[in-house]
Amino acid sequence: MPEENSKIEQPILKIQRIYLKDLSFEQPNSPAIFLERELPEVGITIDVGVEKLTNEFFESTVTVIVTSKIKDQVAFLIEVKQAGIFELHNIPIEQLESLLRIHCPSIVYPYLRANLADVVTRAGFSPIHLAEINFEELHESRSTNPV
């Protein structure tokens, strides 16, 4: 039996590019908001998106929206979309979705965290340091509780 025929092709994931897809920052109540003494309330939402580009190339996107309010005034609103293009070969179909919604966002997310903290600081506010995210738990919670 030839060894060539018995070889099973190994799964391959290659990062082609990590990039900042979108960044929107608004501070509608500046400069007056900088005179406030109260600590802001911060709300954070996160989403993960996947787009098939070709049979082998996929885009995985992590979107975070942060709203910071003092009293009833918005201090700032920031939306950051960080994305990656991933080349996938020999991935079993039953593993594809979890790979794109768990593993790939875990690669992209640290870049998003750094970009968000940098922009918020450069805008004159205390930096926002996002916590680590367990994308497996996030995926499972959204799979069992569809919106």
C-alpha atoms as a PDB file:
ATOM      1  CA  MET A   1       0.000   0.000   0.000  1.00  0.00           C
ATOM      2  CA  PRO A   2       1.606   3.284  -1.029  1.00  0.00           C
ATOM      3  CA  GLU A   3       2.219   5.666   1.826  1.00  0.00           C
ATOM      4  CA  GLU A   4       0.924   8.571  -0.265  1.00  0.00           C
ATOM      5  CA  ASN A   5      -2.625   7.198  -0.381  1.00  0.00           C
ATOM      6  CA  SER A   6      -2.744   6.556   3.369  1.00  0.00           C
ATOM      7  CA  LYS A   7      -1.807  10.119   4.335  1.00  0.00           C
ATOM      8  CA  ILE A   8      -4.584  12.205   5.764  1.00  0.00           C
ATOM      9  CA  GLU A   9      -4.271  15.868   4.983  1.00  0.00           C
ATOM     10  CA  GLN A  10      -3.784  17.890   8.147  1.00  0.00           C
ATOM     11  CA  PRO A  11      -6.094  20.795   8.999  1.00  0.00           C
ATOM     12  CA  ILE A  12      -4.458  24.150   8.333  1.00  0.00           C
ATOM     13  CA  LEU A  13      -5.334  27.607   9.632  1.00  0.00           C
ATOM     14  CA  LYS A  14      -3.268  30.513   8.340  1.00  0.00           C
ATOM     15  CA  ILE A  15      -3.646  34.124   9.400  1.00  0.00           C
ATOM     16  CA  GLN A  16      -3.543  36.194   6.234  1.00  0.00           C
ATOM     17  CA  ARG A  17      -4.165  39.608   7.794  1.00  0.00           C
ATOM     18  CA  ILE A  18      -5.370  41.276  10.991  1.00  0.00           C
ATOM     19  CA  TYR A  19      -6.794  44.757  10.458  1.00  0.00           C
ATOM     20  CA  LEU A  20      -8.895  47.540  11.944  1.00  0.00           C
ATOM     21  CA  LYS A  21     -12.085  47.392   9.879  1.00  0.00           C
ATOM     22  CA  ASP A  22     -14.006  50.271  11.438  1.00  0.00           C
ATOM     23  CA  LEU A  23     -13.561  52.812  14.206  1.00  0.00           C
ATOM     24  CA  SER A  24     -16.100  55.409  15.256  1.00  0.00           C
ATOM     25  CA  PHE A  25     -15.606  57.737  18.233  1.00  0.00           C
ATOM     26  CA  GLU A  26     -18.025  60.412  19.393  1.00  0.00           C
ATOM     27  CA  GLN A  27     -17.893  62.735  22.380  1.00  0.00           C
ATOM     28  CA  PRO A  28     -21.016  64.828  21.951  1.00  0.00           C
ATOM     29  CA  ASN A  29     -20.843  66.696  25.264  1.00  0.00           C
ATOM     30  CA  SER A  30     -17.248  67.873  25.171  1.00  0.00           C
ATOM     31  CA  PRO A  31     -15.737  70.024  26.523  1.00  0.00           C
ATOM     32  CA  ALA A  32     -18.325  70.379  29.344  1.00  0.00           C
ATOM     33  CA  ILE A  33     -18.166  66.656  30.161  1.00  0.00           C
ATOM     34  CA  PHE A  34     -14.516  67.055  31.224  1.00  0.00           C
ATOM     35  CA  LEU A  35     -15.631  69.346  34.067  1.00  0.00           C
ATOM     36  CA  GLU A  36     -17.828  66.666  35.657  1.00  0.00           C
ATOM     37  CA  ARG A  37     -16.494  65.120  38.870  1.00  0.00           C
ATOM     38  CA  GLU A  38     -18.550  61.927  38.943  1.00  0.00           C
ATOM     39  CA  LEU A  39     -17.236  58.630  37.710  1.00  0.00           C
ATOM     40  CA  PRO A  40     -18.757  57.488  34.430  1.00  0.00           C
ATOM     41  CA  GLU A  41     -20.999  54.479  33.975  1.00  0.00           C
ATOM     42  CA  VAL A  42     -19.699  52.272  31.198  1.00  0.00           C
ATOM     43  CA  GLY A  43     -21.757  49.900  29.079  1.00  0.00           C
ATOM     44  CA  ILE A  44     -20.113  47.375  26.766  1.00  0.00           C
ATOM     45  CA  THR A  45     -21.597  45.172  24.049  1.00  0.00           C
ATOM     46  CA  ILE A  46     -19.711  42.646  21.955  1.00  0.00           C
ATOM     47  CA  ASP A  47     -20.501  40.747  18.796  1.00  0.00           C
ATOM     48  CA  VAL A  48     -18.704  38.265  16.574  1.00  0.00           C
ATOM     49  CA  GLY A  49     -19.281  38.050  12.837  1.00  0.00           C
ATOM     50  CA  VAL A  50     -18.114  35.669  10.136  1.00  0.00           C
ATOM     51  CA  GLU A  51     -18.119  36.128   6.391  1.00  0.00           C
ATOM     52  CA  LYS A  52     -17.099  33.560   3.800  1.00  0.00           C
ATOM     53  CA  LEU A  53     -14.895  35.277   1.222  1.00  0.00           C
ATOM     54  CA  THR A  54     -14.039  32.208  -0.894  1.00  0.00           C
ATOM     55  CA  ASN A  55     -14.052  28.460  -0.270  1.00  0.00           C
ATOM     56  CA  GLU A  56     -10.783  28.798   1.654  1.00  0.00           C
ATOM     57  CA  PHE A  57     -10.794  32.386   2.964  1.00  0.00           C
ATOM     58  CA  PHE A  58     -12.983  33.694   5.779  1.00  0.00           C
ATOM     59  CA  GLU A  59     -13.247  36.984   7.616  1.00  0.00           C
ATOM     60  CA  SER A  60     -13.806  36.878  11.367  1.00  0.00           C
ATOM     61  CA  THR A  61     -14.846  40.177  12.945  1.00  0.00           C
ATOM     62  CA  VAL A  62     -15.120  41.231  16.587  1.00  0.00           C
ATOM     63  CA  THR A  63     -17.199  44.350  17.242  1.00  0.00           C
ATOM     64  CA  VAL A  64     -17.232  46.169  20.576  1.00  0.00           C
ATOM     65  CA  ILE A  65     -19.405  49.168  21.416  1.00  0.00           C
ATOM     66  CA  VAL A  66     -18.582  51.118  24.571  1.00  0.00           C
ATOM     67  CA  THR A  67     -20.882  53.820  25.914  1.00  0.00           C
ATOM     68  CA  SER A  68     -19.631  55.990  28.764  1.00  0.00           C
ATOM     69  CA  LYS A  69     -22.150  58.219  30.564  1.00  0.00           C
ATOM     70  CA  ILE A  70     -21.918  60.675  33.409  1.00  0.00           C
ATOM     71  CA  LYS A  71     -25.346  61.290  34.885  1.00  0.00           C
ATOM     72  CA  ASP A  72     -27.567  61.303  31.809  1.00  0.00           C
ATOM     73  CA  GLN A  73     -24.967  62.735  29.438  1.00  0.00           C
ATOM     74  CA  VAL A  74     -22.883  60.659  27.041  1.00  0.00           C
ATOM     75  CA  ALA A  75     -19.196  61.233  27.728  1.00  0.00           C
ATOM     76  CA  PHE A  76     -18.208  59.152  24.724  1.00  0.00           C
ATOM     77  CA  LEU A  77     -19.402  56.413  22.426  1.00  0.00           C
ATOM     78  CA  ILE A  78     -16.912  54.219  20.589  1.00  0.00           C
ATOM     79  CA  GLU A  79     -17.455  51.379  18.154  1.00  0.00           C
ATOM     80  CA  VAL A  80     -14.474  49.288  17.116  1.00  0.00           C
ATOM     81  CA  LYS A  81     -14.494  46.486  14.530  1.00  0.00           C
ATOM     82  CA  GLN A  82     -11.322  44.458  14.377  1.00  0.00           C
ATOM     83  CA  ALA A  83     -11.121  41.735  11.758  1.00  0.00           C
ATOM     84  CA  GLY A  84      -8.914  39.021  10.416  1.00  0.00           C
ATOM     85  CA  ILE A  85      -8.742  37.108   7.177  1.00  0.00           C
ATOM     86  CA  PHE A  86      -8.066  33.429   7.780  1.00  0.00           C
ATOM     87  CA  GLU A  87      -7.170  30.772   5.256  1.00  0.00           C
ATOM     88  CA  LEU A  88      -8.586  27.372   6.165  1.00  0.00           C
ATOM     89  CA  HIS A  89      -7.819  24.007   4.587  1.00  0.00           C
ATOM     90  CA  ASN A  90      -8.998  20.495   5.449  1.00  0.00           C
ATOM     91  CA  ILE A  91     -11.214  21.635   8.320  1.00  0.00           C
ATOM     92  CA  PRO A  92     -14.094  19.219   9.001  1.00  0.00           C
ATOM     93  CA  ILE A  93     -17.387  21.016   8.339  1.00  0.00           C
ATOM     94  CA  GLU A  94     -18.628  20.300  11.869  1.00  0.00           C
ATOM     95  CA  GLN A  95     -15.628  22.203  13.303  1.00  0.00           C
ATOM     96  CA  LEU A  96     -15.718  25.164  10.936  1.00  0.00           C
ATOM     97  CA  GLU A  97     -18.221  27.368  12.772  1.00  0.00           C
ATOM     98  CA  SER A  98     -16.617  26.977  16.186  1.00  0.00           C
ATOM     99  CA  LEU A  99     -13.190  27.645  14.690  1.00  0.00           C
ATOM    100  CA  LEU A 100     -14.426  30.863  13.056  1.00  0.00           C
ATOM    101  CA  ARG A 101     -16.492  32.039  16.051  1.00  0.00           C
ATOM    102  CA  ILE A 102     -14.176  30.991  18.889  1.00  0.00           C
ATOM    103  CA  HIS A 103     -10.565  30.524  17.830  1.00  0.00           C
ATOM    104  CA  CYS A 104     -10.317  33.290  15.205  1.00  0.00           C
ATOM    105  CA  PRO A 105     -11.949  35.981  17.412  1.00  0.00           C
ATOM    106  CA  SER A 106      -9.490  35.024  20.178  1.00  0.00           C
ATOM    107  CA  ILE A 107      -6.673  35.933  17.781  1.00  0.00           C
ATOM    108  CA  VAL A 108      -8.294  39.225  16.681  1.00  0.00           C
ATOM    109  CA  TYR A 109      -9.492  40.464  20.095  1.00  0.00           C
ATOM    110  CA  PRO A 110      -6.144  41.579  21.617  1.00  0.00           C
ATOM    111  CA  TYR A 111      -5.678  43.997  18.710  1.00  0.00           C
ATOM    112  CA  LEU A 112      -9.150  45.427  19.315  1.00  0.00           C
ATOM    113  CA  ARG A 113      -8.413  45.876  23.037  1.00  0.00           C
ATOM    114  CA  ALA A 114      -5.216  47.800  22.296  1.00  0.00           C
ATOM    115  CA  ASN A 115      -6.845  50.019  19.664  1.00  0.00           C
ATOM    116  CA  LEU A 116      -9.781  50.855  21.926  1.00  0.00           C
ATOM    117  CA  ALA A 117      -7.595  51.753  24.925  1.00  0.00           C
ATOM    118  CA  ASP A 118      -5.373  53.918  22.733  1.00  0.00           C
ATOM    119  CA  VAL A 119      -8.228  55.881  21.131  1.00  0.00           C
ATOM    120  CA  VAL A 120     -10.026  56.504  24.424  1.00  0.00           C
ATOM    121  CA  THR A 121      -6.799  57.761  26.027  1.00  0.00           C
ATOM    122  CA  ARG A 122      -5.962  59.992  23.056  1.00  0.00           C
ATOM    123  CA  ALA A 123      -9.464  61.472  23.276  1.00  0.00           C
ATOM    124  CA  GLY A 124      -8.702  62.713  26.792  1.00  0.00           C
ATOM    125  CA  PHE A 125     -10.459  60.060  28.879  1.00  0.00           C
ATOM    126  CA  SER A 126      -9.120  57.442  31.258  1.00  0.00           C
ATOM    127  CA  PRO A 127      -8.295  54.319  29.274  1.00  0.00           C
ATOM    128  CA  ILE A 128     -10.774  51.484  29.037  1.00  0.00           C
ATOM    129  CA  HIS A 129      -9.050  48.141  29.492  1.00  0.00           C
ATOM    130  CA  LEU A 130     -11.414  45.449  28.303  1.00  0.00           C
ATOM    131  CA  ALA A 131     -11.349  42.166  30.180  1.00  0.00           C
ATOM    132  CA  GLU A 132     -10.369  38.930  28.511  1.00  0.00           C
ATOM    133  CA  ILE A 133     -13.299  37.192  26.831  1.00  0.00           C
ATOM    134  CA  ASN A 134     -13.948  33.481  26.737  1.00  0.00           C
ATOM    135  CA  PHE A 135     -15.231  33.257  23.169  1.00  0.00           C
ATOM    136  CA  GLU A 136     -16.227  29.637  23.676  1.00  0.00           C
ATOM    137  CA  GLU A 137     -18.625  30.619  26.473  1.00  0.00           C
ATOM    138  CA  LEU A 138     -19.886  33.573  24.430  1.00  0.00           C
ATOM    139  CA  HIS A 139     -20.549  31.317  21.427  1.00  0.00           C
ATOM    140  CA  GLU A 140     -22.288  28.677  23.539  1.00  0.00           C
ATOM    141  CA  SER A 141     -24.497  31.236  25.298  1.00  0.00           C
ATOM    142  CA  ARG A 142     -25.579  32.707  21.985  1.00  0.00           C
ATOM    143  CA  SER A 143     -26.148  29.269  20.455  1.00  0.00           C
ATOM    144  CA  THR A 144     -28.396  28.152  23.315  1.00  0.00           C
ATOM    145  CA  ASN A 145     -30.106  31.533  23.679  1.00  0.00           C
ATOM    146  CA  PRO A 146     -30.674  32.792  20.137  1.00  0.00           C
ATOM    147  CA  VAL A 147     -31.672  36.411  19.902  1.00  0.00           C
END
